[in-house]
């Protein structure tokens, strides 16, 4: 089964770049420019992991992270401007915090590691 990644990023060029890198790595990817747009597609797409920009058009990515983590029980990676915001992201349930523009190799490796760990914990919880 192919893992599904939801990318929520306001800036179109960076959103396309992230989406392309993850698609090339073999993931099914959906994208949204803001949290309301993401919510409109989440039930249909059913992501295994979300990547959320800390600053979204018309909203706060940290709040979106908290809601995604709590409401949908999926791991979340937050993309932020600087390392000062990472404590807020972690408190909101982020599984990882990148400062903007991680390398494609680093992003894909981190996504795979988080998904592997999440699936292991999910299986153990069901037993």
PDB file of N, CA and C in Angstrom:
ATOM      1  N   UNK A   1       0.823  -1.177   0.000  1.00  0.00           N
ATOM      2  CA  UNK A   1       0.000   0.000   0.000  1.00  0.00           C
ATOM      3  C   UNK A   1       0.876   1.254   0.000  1.00  0.00           C
ATOM      4  N   UNK A   2       0.533   2.199  -0.826  1.00  0.00           N
ATOM      5  CA  UNK A   2       1.305   3.431  -0.951  1.00  0.00           C
ATOM      6  C   UNK A   2       0.898   4.401   0.162  1.00  0.00           C
ATOM      7  N   UNK A   3       1.893   4.958   0.839  1.00  0.00           N
ATOM      8  CA  UNK A   3       1.613   5.946   1.883  1.00  0.00           C
ATOM      9  C   UNK A   3       1.157   7.251   1.255  1.00  0.00           C
ATOM     10  N   UNK A   4       0.200   7.912   1.925  1.00  0.00           N
ATOM     11  CA  UNK A   4      -0.394   9.153   1.424  1.00  0.00           C
ATOM     12  C   UNK A   4       0.060  10.330   2.288  1.00  0.00           C
ATOM     13  N   UNK A   5       0.566  11.354   1.614  1.00  0.00           N
ATOM     14  CA  UNK A   5       1.085  12.536   2.289  1.00  0.00           C
ATOM     15  C   UNK A   5       0.256  13.748   1.872  1.00  0.00           C
ATOM     16  N   UNK A   6      -0.160  14.544   2.841  1.00  0.00           N
ATOM     17  CA  UNK A   6      -0.876  15.789   2.590  1.00  0.00           C
ATOM     18  C   UNK A   6       0.074  16.946   2.875  1.00  0.00           C
ATOM     19  N   UNK A   7       0.294  17.793   1.869  1.00  0.00           N
ATOM     20  CA  UNK A   7       1.160  18.957   2.006  1.00  0.00           C
ATOM     21  C   UNK A   7       0.273  20.198   2.079  1.00  0.00           C
ATOM     22  N   UNK A   8       0.392  20.953   3.173  1.00  0.00           N
ATOM     23  CA  UNK A   8      -0.383  22.184   3.353  1.00  0.00           C
ATOM     24  C   UNK A   8       0.619  23.330   3.402  1.00  0.00           C
ATOM     25  N   UNK A   9       0.700  24.051   2.317  1.00  0.00           N
ATOM     26  CA  UNK A   9       1.716  25.101   2.160  1.00  0.00           C
ATOM     27  C   UNK A   9       1.131  26.212   1.326  1.00  0.00           C
ATOM     28  N   UNK A  10       1.217  27.441   1.805  1.00  0.00           N
ATOM     29  CA  UNK A  10       0.637  28.576   1.106  1.00  0.00           C
ATOM     30  C   UNK A  10       1.344  28.953  -0.176  1.00  0.00           C
ATOM     31  N   UNK A  11       2.659  28.935  -0.174  1.00  0.00           N
ATOM     32  CA  UNK A  11       3.420  29.381  -1.336  1.00  0.00           C
ATOM     33  C   UNK A  11       3.385  28.319  -2.443  1.00  0.00           C
ATOM     34  N   UNK A  12       2.799  28.643  -3.613  1.00  0.00           N
ATOM     35  CA  UNK A  12       2.598  27.639  -4.667  1.00  0.00           C
ATOM     36  C   UNK A  12       3.885  26.974  -5.176  1.00  0.00           C
ATOM     37  N   UNK A  13       4.954  27.747  -5.366  1.00  0.00           N
ATOM     38  CA  UNK A  13       6.185  27.154  -5.905  1.00  0.00           C
ATOM     39  C   UNK A  13       6.784  26.133  -4.945  1.00  0.00           C
ATOM     40  N   UNK A  14       6.852  26.474  -3.674  1.00  0.00           N
ATOM     41  CA  UNK A  14       7.402  25.533  -2.698  1.00  0.00           C
ATOM     42  C   UNK A  14       6.469  24.345  -2.492  1.00  0.00           C
ATOM     43  N   UNK A  15       5.169  24.590  -2.554  1.00  0.00           N
ATOM     44  CA  UNK A  15       4.206  23.482  -2.439  1.00  0.00           C
ATOM     45  C   UNK A  15       4.415  22.491  -3.578  1.00  0.00           C
ATOM     46  N   UNK A  16       4.566  23.003  -4.800  1.00  0.00           N
ATOM     47  CA  UNK A  16       4.817  22.116  -5.956  1.00  0.00           C
ATOM     48  C   UNK A  16       6.139  21.372  -5.808  1.00  0.00           C
ATOM     49  N   UNK A  17       7.149  22.057  -5.314  1.00  0.00           N
ATOM     50  CA  UNK A  17       8.458  21.430  -5.135  1.00  0.00           C
ATOM     51  C   UNK A  17       8.390  20.279  -4.125  1.00  0.00           C
ATOM     52  N   UNK A  18       7.740  20.512  -2.999  1.00  0.00           N
ATOM     53  CA  UNK A  18       7.586  19.457  -1.996  1.00  0.00           C
ATOM     54  C   UNK A  18       6.759  18.297  -2.538  1.00  0.00           C
ATOM     55  N   UNK A  19       5.664  18.631  -3.198  1.00  0.00           N
ATOM     56  CA  UNK A  19       4.782  17.608  -3.760  1.00  0.00           C
ATOM     57  C   UNK A  19       5.519  16.758  -4.780  1.00  0.00           C
ATOM     58  N   UNK A  20       6.291  17.405  -5.632  1.00  0.00           N
ATOM     59  CA  UNK A  20       7.050  16.696  -6.657  1.00  0.00           C
ATOM     60  C   UNK A  20       8.093  15.758  -6.035  1.00  0.00           C
ATOM     61  N   UNK A  21       8.830  16.257  -5.049  1.00  0.00           N
ATOM     62  CA  UNK A  21       9.866  15.434  -4.398  1.00  0.00           C
ATOM     63  C   UNK A  21       9.257  14.206  -3.735  1.00  0.00           C
ATOM     64  N   UNK A  22       8.133  14.389  -3.069  1.00  0.00           N
ATOM     65  CA  UNK A  22       7.490  13.261  -2.394  1.00  0.00           C
ATOM     66  C   UNK A  22       6.881  12.280  -3.397  1.00  0.00           C
ATOM     67  N   UNK A  23       6.319  12.784  -4.478  1.00  0.00           N
ATOM     68  CA  UNK A  23       5.773  11.918  -5.531  1.00  0.00           C
ATOM     69  C   UNK A  23       6.867  11.083  -6.164  1.00  0.00           C
ATOM     70  N   UNK A  24       7.996  11.729  -6.454  1.00  0.00           N
ATOM     71  CA  UNK A  24       9.133  11.014  -7.047  1.00  0.00           C
ATOM     72  C   UNK A  24       9.652   9.930  -6.116  1.00  0.00           C
ATOM     73  N   UNK A  25       9.480  10.108  -4.813  1.00  0.00           N
ATOM     74  CA  UNK A  25       9.930   9.112  -3.828  1.00  0.00           C
ATOM     75  C   UNK A  25       8.924   7.971  -3.679  1.00  0.00           C
ATOM     76  N   UNK A  26       7.792   8.047  -4.402  1.00  0.00           N
ATOM     77  CA  UNK A  26       6.844   6.946  -4.393  1.00  0.00           C
ATOM     78  C   UNK A  26       5.621   7.134  -3.515  1.00  0.00           C
ATOM     79  N   UNK A  27       5.454   8.322  -2.950  1.00  0.00           N
ATOM     80  CA  UNK A  27       4.285   8.593  -2.124  1.00  0.00           C
ATOM     81  C   UNK A  27       3.123   9.098  -2.978  1.00  0.00           C
ATOM     82  N   UNK A  28       1.910   8.841  -2.538  1.00  0.00           N
ATOM     83  CA  UNK A  28       0.732   9.495  -3.109  1.00  0.00           C
ATOM     84  C   UNK A  28       0.621  10.825  -2.373  1.00  0.00           C
ATOM     85  N   UNK A  29       0.482  11.916  -3.116  1.00  0.00           N
ATOM     86  CA  UNK A  29       0.531  13.237  -2.491  1.00  0.00           C
ATOM     87  C   UNK A  29      -0.669  14.075  -2.911  1.00  0.00           C
ATOM     88  N   UNK A  30      -1.262  14.721  -1.920  1.00  0.00           N
ATOM     89  CA  UNK A  30      -2.293  15.736  -2.168  1.00  0.00           C
ATOM     90  C   UNK A  30      -1.776  17.021  -1.553  1.00  0.00           C
ATOM     91  N   UNK A  31      -2.211  18.148  -2.098  1.00  0.00           N
ATOM     92  CA  UNK A  31      -1.753  19.407  -1.534  1.00  0.00           C
ATOM     93  C   UNK A  31      -2.910  20.370  -1.371  1.00  0.00           C
ATOM     94  N   UNK A  32      -2.685  21.316  -0.467  1.00  0.00           N
ATOM     95  CA  UNK A  32      -3.672  22.358  -0.193  1.00  0.00           C
ATOM     96  C   UNK A  32      -2.919  23.631   0.150  1.00  0.00           C
ATOM     97  N   UNK A  33      -3.522  24.765  -0.182  1.00  0.00           N
ATOM     98  CA  UNK A  33      -2.842  26.037   0.104  1.00  0.00           C
ATOM     99  C   UNK A  33      -3.101  26.523   1.525  1.00  0.00           C
ATOM    100  N   UNK A  34      -4.189  26.035   2.155  1.00  0.00           N
ATOM    101  CA  UNK A  34      -4.493  26.445   3.521  1.00  0.00           C
ATOM    102  C   UNK A  34      -5.244  25.321   4.237  1.00  0.00           C
ATOM    103  N   UNK A  35      -5.483  25.517   5.522  1.00  0.00           N
ATOM    104  CA  UNK A  35      -6.097  24.466   6.320  1.00  0.00           C
ATOM    105  C   UNK A  35      -7.544  24.170   5.920  1.00  0.00           C
ATOM    106  N   UNK A  36      -8.388  25.176   5.658  1.00  0.00           N
ATOM    107  CA  UNK A  36      -9.758  24.854   5.216  1.00  0.00           C
ATOM    108  C   UNK A  36      -9.784  24.023   3.931  1.00  0.00           C
ATOM    109  N   UNK A  37      -8.892  24.332   3.001  1.00  0.00           N
ATOM    110  CA  UNK A  37      -8.810  23.542   1.766  1.00  0.00           C
ATOM    111  C   UNK A  37      -8.376  22.115   2.076  1.00  0.00           C
ATOM    112  N   UNK A  38      -7.459  21.961   3.003  1.00  0.00           N
ATOM    113  CA  UNK A  38      -7.002  20.625   3.400  1.00  0.00           C
ATOM    114  C   UNK A  38      -8.139  19.833   4.034  1.00  0.00           C
ATOM    115  N   UNK A  39      -8.891  20.478   4.912  1.00  0.00           N
ATOM    116  CA  UNK A  39     -10.007  19.793   5.563  1.00  0.00           C
ATOM    117  C   UNK A  39     -11.052  19.315   4.563  1.00  0.00           C
ATOM    118  N   UNK A  40     -11.244  20.083   3.491  1.00  0.00           N
ATOM    119  CA  UNK A  40     -12.236  19.709   2.483  1.00  0.00           C
ATOM    120  C   UNK A  40     -11.859  18.417   1.766  1.00  0.00           C
ATOM    121  N   UNK A  41     -10.562  18.099   1.719  1.00  0.00           N
ATOM    122  CA  UNK A  41     -10.135  16.896   0.998  1.00  0.00           C
ATOM    123  C   UNK A  41      -9.692  15.750   1.898  1.00  0.00           C
ATOM    124  N   UNK A  42      -9.590  15.982   3.188  1.00  0.00           N
ATOM    125  CA  UNK A  42      -8.960  14.997   4.072  1.00  0.00           C
ATOM    126  C   UNK A  42      -9.748  13.696   4.181  1.00  0.00           C
ATOM    127  N   UNK A  43     -11.077  13.751   4.226  1.00  0.00           N
ATOM    128  CA  UNK A  43     -11.861  12.523   4.339  1.00  0.00           C
ATOM    129  C   UNK A  43     -11.745  11.665   3.093  1.00  0.00           C
ATOM    130  N   UNK A  44     -11.649  12.292   1.950  1.00  0.00           N
ATOM    131  CA  UNK A  44     -11.512  11.551   0.695  1.00  0.00           C
ATOM    132  C   UNK A  44     -10.094  11.001   0.513  1.00  0.00           C
ATOM    133  N   UNK A  45      -9.082  11.820   0.825  1.00  0.00           N
ATOM    134  CA  UNK A  45      -7.689  11.431   0.597  1.00  0.00           C
ATOM    135  C   UNK A  45      -7.141  10.522   1.700  1.00  0.00           C
ATOM    136  N   UNK A  46      -7.573  10.709   2.933  1.00  0.00           N
ATOM    137  CA  UNK A  46      -7.138   9.922   4.089  1.00  0.00           C
ATOM    138  C   UNK A  46      -5.604   9.827   4.203  1.00  0.00           C
ATOM    139  N   UNK A  47      -4.956  10.953   4.499  1.00  0.00           N
ATOM    140  CA  UNK A  47      -3.489  10.956   4.561  1.00  0.00           C
ATOM    141  C   UNK A  47      -2.947  10.132   5.723  1.00  0.00           C
ATOM    142  N   UNK A  48      -1.741   9.605   5.509  1.00  0.00           N
ATOM    143  CA  UNK A  48      -1.017   8.895   6.556  1.00  0.00           C
ATOM    144  C   UNK A  48      -0.125   9.846   7.344  1.00  0.00           C
ATOM    145  N   UNK A  49       0.191  11.005   6.740  1.00  0.00           N
ATOM    146  CA  UNK A  49       1.068  12.000   7.354  1.00  0.00           C
ATOM    147  C   UNK A  49       0.767  13.340   6.700  1.00  0.00           C
ATOM    148  N   UNK A  50       0.902  14.416   7.468  1.00  0.00           N
ATOM    149  CA  UNK A  50       0.721  15.764   6.926  1.00  0.00           C
ATOM    150  C   UNK A  50       1.999  16.572   7.130  1.00  0.00           C
ATOM    151  N   UNK A  51       2.291  17.406   6.149  1.00  0.00           N
ATOM    152  CA  UNK A  51       3.376  18.379   6.241  1.00  0.00           C
ATOM    153  C   UNK A  51       2.702  19.740   6.195  1.00  0.00           C
ATOM    154  N   UNK A  52       2.889  20.527   7.251  1.00  0.00           N
ATOM    155  CA  UNK A  52       2.158  21.781   7.415  1.00  0.00           C
ATOM    156  C   UNK A  52       3.132  22.944   7.566  1.00  0.00           C
ATOM    157  N   UNK A  53       2.873  24.007   6.819  1.00  0.00           N
ATOM    158  CA  UNK A  53       3.634  25.230   6.957  1.00  0.00           C
ATOM    159  C   UNK A  53       3.236  25.926   8.251  1.00  0.00           C
ATOM    160  N   UNK A  54       4.203  26.448   8.965  1.00  0.00           N
ATOM    161  CA  UNK A  54       3.922  27.146  10.220  1.00  0.00           C
ATOM    162  C   UNK A  54       3.015  28.362   9.997  1.00  0.00           C
ATOM    163  N   UNK A  55       3.205  29.056   8.876  1.00  0.00           N
ATOM    164  CA  UNK A  55       2.415  30.232   8.553  1.00  0.00           C
ATOM    165  C   UNK A  55       1.586  29.921   7.309  1.00  0.00           C
ATOM    166  N   UNK A  56       0.271  29.884   7.482  1.00  0.00           N
ATOM    167  CA  UNK A  56      -0.636  29.581   6.371  1.00  0.00           C
ATOM    168  C   UNK A  56      -1.485  30.804   6.054  1.00  0.00           C
ATOM    169  N   UNK A  57      -1.943  30.925   4.811  1.00  0.00           N
ATOM    170  CA  UNK A  57      -2.843  32.034   4.491  1.00  0.00           C
ATOM    171  C   UNK A  57      -4.084  31.974   5.385  1.00  0.00           C
ATOM    172  N   UNK A  58      -4.320  33.037   6.102  1.00  0.00           N
ATOM    173  CA  UNK A  58      -5.511  33.118   6.935  1.00  0.00           C
ATOM    174  C   UNK A  58      -5.503  32.236   8.168  1.00  0.00           C
ATOM    175  N   UNK A  59      -4.350  31.745   8.581  1.00  0.00           N
ATOM    176  CA  UNK A  59      -4.356  30.884   9.751  1.00  0.00           C
ATOM    177  C   UNK A  59      -2.979  30.538  10.270  1.00  0.00           C
ATOM    178  N   UNK A  60      -2.957  29.791  11.339  1.00  0.00           N
ATOM    179  CA  UNK A  60      -1.740  29.392  12.021  1.00  0.00           C
ATOM    180  C   UNK A  60      -1.494  27.902  11.783  1.00  0.00           C
ATOM    181  N   UNK A  61      -0.350  27.580  11.203  1.00  0.00           N
ATOM    182  CA  UNK A  61      -0.013  26.191  10.934  1.00  0.00           C
ATOM    183  C   UNK A  61       0.168  25.359  12.189  1.00  0.00           C
ATOM    184  N   UNK A  62       0.568  25.992  13.291  1.00  0.00           N
ATOM    185  CA  UNK A  62       0.727  25.267  14.552  1.00  0.00           C
ATOM    186  C   UNK A  62      -0.648  24.805  15.047  1.00  0.00           C
ATOM    187  N   UNK A  63      -1.657  25.675  14.919  1.00  0.00           N
ATOM    188  CA  UNK A  63      -3.015  25.272  15.283  1.00  0.00           C
ATOM    189  C   UNK A  63      -3.511  24.149  14.371  1.00  0.00           C
ATOM    190  N   UNK A  64      -3.198  24.245  13.080  1.00  0.00           N
ATOM    191  CA  UNK A  64      -3.573  23.191  12.135  1.00  0.00           C
ATOM    192  C   UNK A  64      -2.906  21.873  12.516  1.00  0.00           C
ATOM    193  N   UNK A  65      -1.640  21.947  12.928  1.00  0.00           N
ATOM    194  CA  UNK A  65      -0.913  20.753  13.372  1.00  0.00           C
ATOM    195  C   UNK A  65      -1.642  20.105  14.542  1.00  0.00           C
ATOM    196  N   UNK A  66      -1.998  20.898  15.522  1.00  0.00           N
ATOM    197  CA  UNK A  66      -2.695  20.378  16.710  1.00  0.00           C
ATOM    198  C   UNK A  66      -3.998  19.690  16.310  1.00  0.00           C
ATOM    199  N   UNK A  67      -4.768  20.334  15.455  1.00  0.00           N
ATOM    200  CA  UNK A  67      -6.052  19.774  15.032  1.00  0.00           C
ATOM    201  C   UNK A  67      -5.875  18.494  14.221  1.00  0.00           C
ATOM    202  N   UNK A  68      -4.911  18.479  13.313  1.00  0.00           N
ATOM    203  CA  UNK A  68      -4.668  17.272  12.515  1.00  0.00           C
ATOM    204  C   UNK A  68      -4.242  16.111  13.406  1.00  0.00           C
ATOM    205  N   UNK A  69      -3.348  16.404  14.307  1.00  0.00           N
ATOM    206  CA  UNK A  69      -2.841  15.356  15.202  1.00  0.00           C
ATOM    207  C   UNK A  69      -3.951  14.808  16.102  1.00  0.00           C
ATOM    208  N   UNK A  70      -4.739  15.706  16.681  1.00  0.00           N
ATOM    209  CA  UNK A  70      -5.787  15.284  17.613  1.00  0.00           C
ATOM    210  C   UNK A  70      -7.004  14.679  16.920  1.00  0.00           C
ATOM    211  N   UNK A  71      -7.469  15.313  15.863  1.00  0.00           N
ATOM    212  CA  UNK A  71      -8.716  14.872  15.213  1.00  0.00           C
ATOM    213  C   UNK A  71      -8.522  13.662  14.310  1.00  0.00           C
ATOM    214  N   UNK A  72      -7.348  13.562  13.679  1.00  0.00           N
ATOM    215  CA  UNK A  72      -7.162  12.505  12.688  1.00  0.00           C
ATOM    216  C   UNK A  72      -6.077  11.499  13.067  1.00  0.00           C
ATOM    217  N   UNK A  73      -5.407  11.722  14.185  1.00  0.00           N
ATOM    218  CA  UNK A  73      -4.380  10.803  14.691  1.00  0.00           C
ATOM    219  C   UNK A  73      -3.329  10.452  13.652  1.00  0.00           C
ATOM    220  N   UNK A  74      -2.855  11.475  12.950  1.00  0.00           N
ATOM    221  CA  UNK A  74      -1.785  11.249  11.979  1.00  0.00           C
ATOM    222  C   UNK A  74      -0.551  12.034  12.409  1.00  0.00           C
ATOM    223  N   UNK A  75       0.625  11.543  12.045  1.00  0.00           N
ATOM    224  CA  UNK A  75       1.832  12.296  12.346  1.00  0.00           C
ATOM    225  C   UNK A  75       1.893  13.560  11.484  1.00  0.00           C
ATOM    226  N   UNK A  76       2.535  14.592  12.033  1.00  0.00           N
ATOM    227  CA  UNK A  76       2.611  15.883  11.364  1.00  0.00           C
ATOM    228  C   UNK A  76       4.043  16.399  11.413  1.00  0.00           C
ATOM    229  N   UNK A  77       4.514  16.878  10.276  1.00  0.00           N
ATOM    230  CA  UNK A  77       5.795  17.584  10.183  1.00  0.00           C
ATOM    231  C   UNK A  77       5.454  19.052   9.965  1.00  0.00           C
ATOM    232  N   UNK A  78       6.085  19.930  10.738  1.00  0.00           N
ATOM    233  CA  UNK A  78       5.863  21.363  10.583  1.00  0.00           C
ATOM    234  C   UNK A  78       7.089  21.985   9.919  1.00  0.00           C
ATOM    235  N   UNK A  79       6.837  22.843   8.929  1.00  0.00           N
ATOM    236  CA  UNK A  79       7.886  23.622   8.288  1.00  0.00           C
ATOM    237  C   UNK A  79       7.828  25.025   8.864  1.00  0.00           C
ATOM    238  N   UNK A  80       8.913  25.466   9.491  1.00  0.00           N
ATOM    239  CA  UNK A  80       8.904  26.766  10.151  1.00  0.00           C
ATOM    240  C   UNK A  80      10.006  27.682   9.686  1.00  0.00           C
ATOM    241  N   UNK A  81       9.895  28.925  10.103  1.00  0.00           N
ATOM    242  CA  UNK A  81      10.858  29.944   9.690  1.00  0.00           C
ATOM    243  C   UNK A  81      12.165  29.854  10.454  1.00  0.00           C
ATOM    244  N   UNK A  82      12.087  29.569  11.746  1.00  0.00           N
ATOM    245  CA  UNK A  82      13.305  29.522  12.548  1.00  0.00           C
ATOM    246  C   UNK A  82      13.110  28.541  13.699  1.00  0.00           C
ATOM    247  N   UNK A  83      14.186  28.272  14.375  1.00  0.00           N
ATOM    248  CA  UNK A  83      14.133  27.252  15.426  1.00  0.00           C
ATOM    249  C   UNK A  83      13.429  27.731  16.687  1.00  0.00           C
ATOM    250  N   UNK A  84      13.064  29.003  16.774  1.00  0.00           N
ATOM    251  CA  UNK A  84      12.393  29.498  17.971  1.00  0.00           C
ATOM    252  C   UNK A  84      10.962  28.978  18.109  1.00  0.00           C
ATOM    253  N   UNK A  85      10.336  28.598  16.995  1.00  0.00           N
ATOM    254  CA  UNK A  85       8.945  28.147  17.045  1.00  0.00           C
ATOM    255  C   UNK A  85       8.810  26.650  17.296  1.00  0.00           C
ATOM    256  N   UNK A  86       9.889  25.909  17.246  1.00  0.00           N
ATOM    257  CA  UNK A  86       9.757  24.455  17.363  1.00  0.00           C
ATOM    258  C   UNK A  86       9.149  24.007  18.682  1.00  0.00           C
ATOM    259  N   UNK A  87       9.395  24.678  19.832  1.00  0.00           N
ATOM    260  CA  UNK A  87       8.726  24.205  21.049  1.00  0.00           C
ATOM    261  C   UNK A  87       7.195  24.266  20.937  1.00  0.00           C
ATOM    262  N   UNK A  88       6.671  25.318  20.327  1.00  0.00           N
ATOM    263  CA  UNK A  88       5.212  25.412  20.121  1.00  0.00           C
ATOM    264  C   UNK A  88       4.729  24.281  19.220  1.00  0.00           C
ATOM    265  N   UNK A  89       5.503  23.982  18.186  1.00  0.00           N
ATOM    266  CA  UNK A  89       5.116  22.918  17.257  1.00  0.00           C
ATOM    267  C   UNK A  89       5.095  21.563  17.960  1.00  0.00           C
ATOM    268  N   UNK A  90       6.104  21.292  18.754  1.00  0.00           N
ATOM    269  CA  UNK A  90       6.173  20.020  19.471  1.00  0.00           C
ATOM    270  C   UNK A  90       5.029  19.917  20.484  1.00  0.00           C
ATOM    271  N   UNK A  91       4.737  21.004  21.182  1.00  0.00           N
ATOM    272  CA  UNK A  91       3.616  21.006  22.121  1.00  0.00           C
ATOM    273  C   UNK A  91       2.285  20.762  21.413  1.00  0.00           C
ATOM    274  N   UNK A  92       2.207  21.176  20.142  1.00  0.00           N
ATOM    275  CA  UNK A  92       0.979  20.995  19.361  1.00  0.00           C
ATOM    276  C   UNK A  92       0.871  19.593  18.779  1.00  0.00           C
ATOM    277  N   UNK A  93       1.912  18.768  18.961  1.00  0.00           N
ATOM    278  CA  UNK A  93       1.862  17.395  18.478  1.00  0.00           C
ATOM    279  C   UNK A  93       2.717  17.109  17.269  1.00  0.00           C
ATOM    280  N   UNK A  94       3.524  18.065  16.838  1.00  0.00           N
ATOM    281  CA  UNK A  94       4.385  17.833  15.672  1.00  0.00           C
ATOM    282  C   UNK A  94       5.366  16.699  15.963  1.00  0.00           C
ATOM    283  N   UNK A  95       5.536  15.854  14.976  1.00  0.00           N
ATOM    284  CA  UNK A  95       6.496  14.760  15.097  1.00  0.00           C
ATOM    285  C   UNK A  95       7.897  15.194  14.692  1.00  0.00           C
ATOM    286  N   UNK A  96       7.962  16.283  13.929  1.00  0.00           N
ATOM    287  CA  UNK A  96       9.256  16.822  13.520  1.00  0.00           C
ATOM    288  C   UNK A  96       9.055  18.260  13.093  1.00  0.00           C
ATOM    289  N   UNK A  97      10.117  19.058  13.220  1.00  0.00           N
ATOM    290  CA  UNK A  97      10.085  20.462  12.845  1.00  0.00           C
ATOM    291  C   UNK A  97      11.288  20.738  11.960  1.00  0.00           C
ATOM    292  N   UNK A  98      11.037  21.174  10.736  1.00  0.00           N
ATOM    293  CA  UNK A  98      12.104  21.585   9.829  1.00  0.00           C
ATOM    294  C   UNK A  98      12.094  23.098   9.718  1.00  0.00           C
ATOM    295  N   UNK A  99      13.280  23.700   9.694  1.00  0.00           N
ATOM    296  CA  UNK A  99      13.305  25.078   9.242  1.00  0.00           C
ATOM    297  C   UNK A  99      13.115  25.014   7.738  1.00  0.00           C
ATOM    298  N   UNK A 100      12.640  26.102   7.159  1.00  0.00           N
ATOM    299  CA  UNK A 100      12.235  26.096   5.754  1.00  0.00           C
ATOM    300  C   UNK A 100      13.258  25.473   4.818  1.00  0.00           C
ATOM    301  N   UNK A 101      12.705  24.827   3.834  1.00  0.00           N
ATOM    302  CA  UNK A 101      13.399  24.243   2.697  1.00  0.00           C
ATOM    303  C   UNK A 101      14.423  23.167   3.073  1.00  0.00           C
ATOM    304  N   UNK A 102      13.965  22.073   3.642  1.00  0.00           N
ATOM    305  CA  UNK A 102      14.887  20.950   3.867  1.00  0.00           C
ATOM    306  C   UNK A 102      15.259  20.365   2.511  1.00  0.00           C
ATOM    307  N   UNK A 103      16.392  19.683   2.453  1.00  0.00           N
ATOM    308  CA  UNK A 103      16.749  19.015   1.209  1.00  0.00           C
ATOM    309  C   UNK A 103      15.719  17.919   0.947  1.00  0.00           C
ATOM    310  N   UNK A 104      15.555  17.580  -0.322  1.00  0.00           N
ATOM    311  CA  UNK A 104      14.588  16.536  -0.671  1.00  0.00           C
ATOM    312  C   UNK A 104      14.958  15.211  -0.024  1.00  0.00           C
ATOM    313  N   UNK A 105      16.254  14.887  -0.010  1.00  0.00           N
ATOM    314  CA  UNK A 105      16.703  13.634   0.612  1.00  0.00           C
ATOM    315  C   UNK A 105      16.356  13.602   2.097  1.00  0.00           C
ATOM    316  N   UNK A 106      16.617  14.708   2.786  1.00  0.00           N
ATOM    317  CA  UNK A 106      16.335  14.772   4.215  1.00  0.00           C
ATOM    318  C   UNK A 106      14.832  14.685   4.491  1.00  0.00           C
ATOM    319  N   UNK A 107      14.038  15.379   3.695  1.00  0.00           N
ATOM    320  CA  UNK A 107      12.587  15.345   3.867  1.00  0.00           C
ATOM    321  C   UNK A 107      12.039  13.939   3.662  1.00  0.00           C
ATOM    322  N   UNK A 108      12.422  13.301   2.577  1.00  0.00           N
ATOM    323  CA  UNK A 108      11.920  11.953   2.276  1.00  0.00           C
ATOM    324  C   UNK A 108      12.370  10.968   3.350  1.00  0.00           C
ATOM    325  N   UNK A 109      13.617  11.061   3.788  1.00  0.00           N
ATOM    326  CA  UNK A 109      14.116  10.162   4.828  1.00  0.00           C
ATOM    327  C   UNK A 109      13.344  10.349   6.131  1.00  0.00           C
ATOM    328  N   UNK A 110      13.068  11.601   6.492  1.00  0.00           N
ATOM    329  CA  UNK A 110      12.331  11.872   7.734  1.00  0.00           C
ATOM    330  C   UNK A 110      10.894  11.371   7.639  1.00  0.00           C
ATOM    331  N   UNK A 111      10.247  11.584   6.496  1.00  0.00           N
ATOM    332  CA  UNK A 111       8.873  11.098   6.294  1.00  0.00           C
ATOM    333  C   UNK A 111       8.834   9.581   6.441  1.00  0.00           C
ATOM    334  N   UNK A 112       9.760   8.897   5.786  1.00  0.00           N
ATOM    335  CA  UNK A 112       9.801   7.430   5.866  1.00  0.00           C
ATOM    336  C   UNK A 112      10.028   6.963   7.299  1.00  0.00           C
ATOM    337  N   UNK A 113      10.934   7.615   8.027  1.00  0.00           N
ATOM    338  CA  UNK A 113      11.219   7.219   9.411  1.00  0.00           C
ATOM    339  C   UNK A 113      10.002   7.416  10.306  1.00  0.00           C
ATOM    340  N   UNK A 114       9.337   8.547  10.157  1.00  0.00           N
ATOM    341  CA  UNK A 114       8.157   8.814  10.986  1.00  0.00           C
ATOM    342  C   UNK A 114       7.053   7.815  10.673  1.00  0.00           C
ATOM    343  N   UNK A 115       6.818   7.547   9.399  1.00  0.00           N
ATOM    344  CA  UNK A 115       5.777   6.587   9.025  1.00  0.00           C
ATOM    345  C   UNK A 115       6.096   5.190   9.541  1.00  0.00           C
ATOM    346  N   UNK A 116       7.354   4.798   9.455  1.00  0.00           N
ATOM    347  CA  UNK A 116       7.770   3.486   9.951  1.00  0.00           C
ATOM    348  C   UNK A 116       7.516   3.382  11.455  1.00  0.00           C
ATOM    349  N   UNK A 117       7.903   4.411  12.186  1.00  0.00           N
ATOM    350  CA  UNK A 117       7.712   4.427  13.635  1.00  0.00           C
ATOM    351  C   UNK A 117       6.225   4.472  13.988  1.00  0.00           C
ATOM    352  N   UNK A 118       5.458   5.270  13.292  1.00  0.00           N
ATOM    353  CA  UNK A 118       4.033   5.405  13.552  1.00  0.00           C
ATOM    354  C   UNK A 118       3.311   4.083  13.298  1.00  0.00           C
ATOM    355  N   UNK A 119       3.662   3.403  12.208  1.00  0.00           N
ATOM    356  CA  UNK A 119       3.009   2.123  11.888  1.00  0.00           C
ATOM    357  C   UNK A 119       3.355   1.067  12.930  1.00  0.00           C
ATOM    358  N   UNK A 120       4.577   1.077  13.423  1.00  0.00           N
ATOM    359  CA  UNK A 120       4.974   0.134  14.460  1.00  0.00           C
ATOM    360  C   UNK A 120       4.165   0.355  15.725  1.00  0.00           C
ATOM    361  N   UNK A 121       4.048   1.622  16.155  1.00  0.00           N
ATOM    362  CA  UNK A 121       3.266   1.930  17.352  1.00  0.00           C
ATOM    363  C   UNK A 121       1.792   1.600  17.159  1.00  0.00           C
ATOM    364  N   UNK A 122       1.268   1.862  15.974  1.00  0.00           N
ATOM    365  CA  UNK A 122      -0.149   1.569  15.705  1.00  0.00           C
ATOM    366  C   UNK A 122      -0.415   0.069  15.784  1.00  0.00           C
ATOM    367  N   UNK A 123       0.489  -0.735  15.229  1.00  0.00           N
ATOM    368  CA  UNK A 123       0.324  -2.193  15.286  1.00  0.00           C
ATOM    369  C   UNK A 123       0.394  -2.688  16.722  1.00  0.00           C
ATOM    370  N   UNK A 124       1.347  -2.157  17.493  1.00  0.00           N
ATOM    371  CA  UNK A 124       1.490  -2.589  18.888  1.00  0.00           C
ATOM    372  C   UNK A 124       0.259  -2.192  19.699  1.00  0.00           C
ATOM    373  N   UNK A 125      -0.321  -1.050  19.430  1.00  0.00           N
ATOM    374  CA  UNK A 125      -1.498  -0.589  20.175  1.00  0.00           C
ATOM    375  C   UNK A 125      -2.707  -1.465  19.886  1.00  0.00           C
ATOM    376  N   UNK A 126      -2.793  -2.027  18.686  1.00  0.00           N
ATOM    377  CA  UNK A 126      -3.927  -2.862  18.308  1.00  0.00           C
ATOM    378  C   UNK A 126      -3.847  -4.263  18.919  1.00  0.00           C
ATOM    379  N   UNK A 127      -2.648  -4.674  19.320  1.00  0.00           N
ATOM    380  CA  UNK A 127      -2.472  -6.036  19.839  1.00  0.00           C
ATOM    381  C   UNK A 127      -2.923  -6.165  21.259  1.00  0.00           C
TER     382      UNK A 127
END
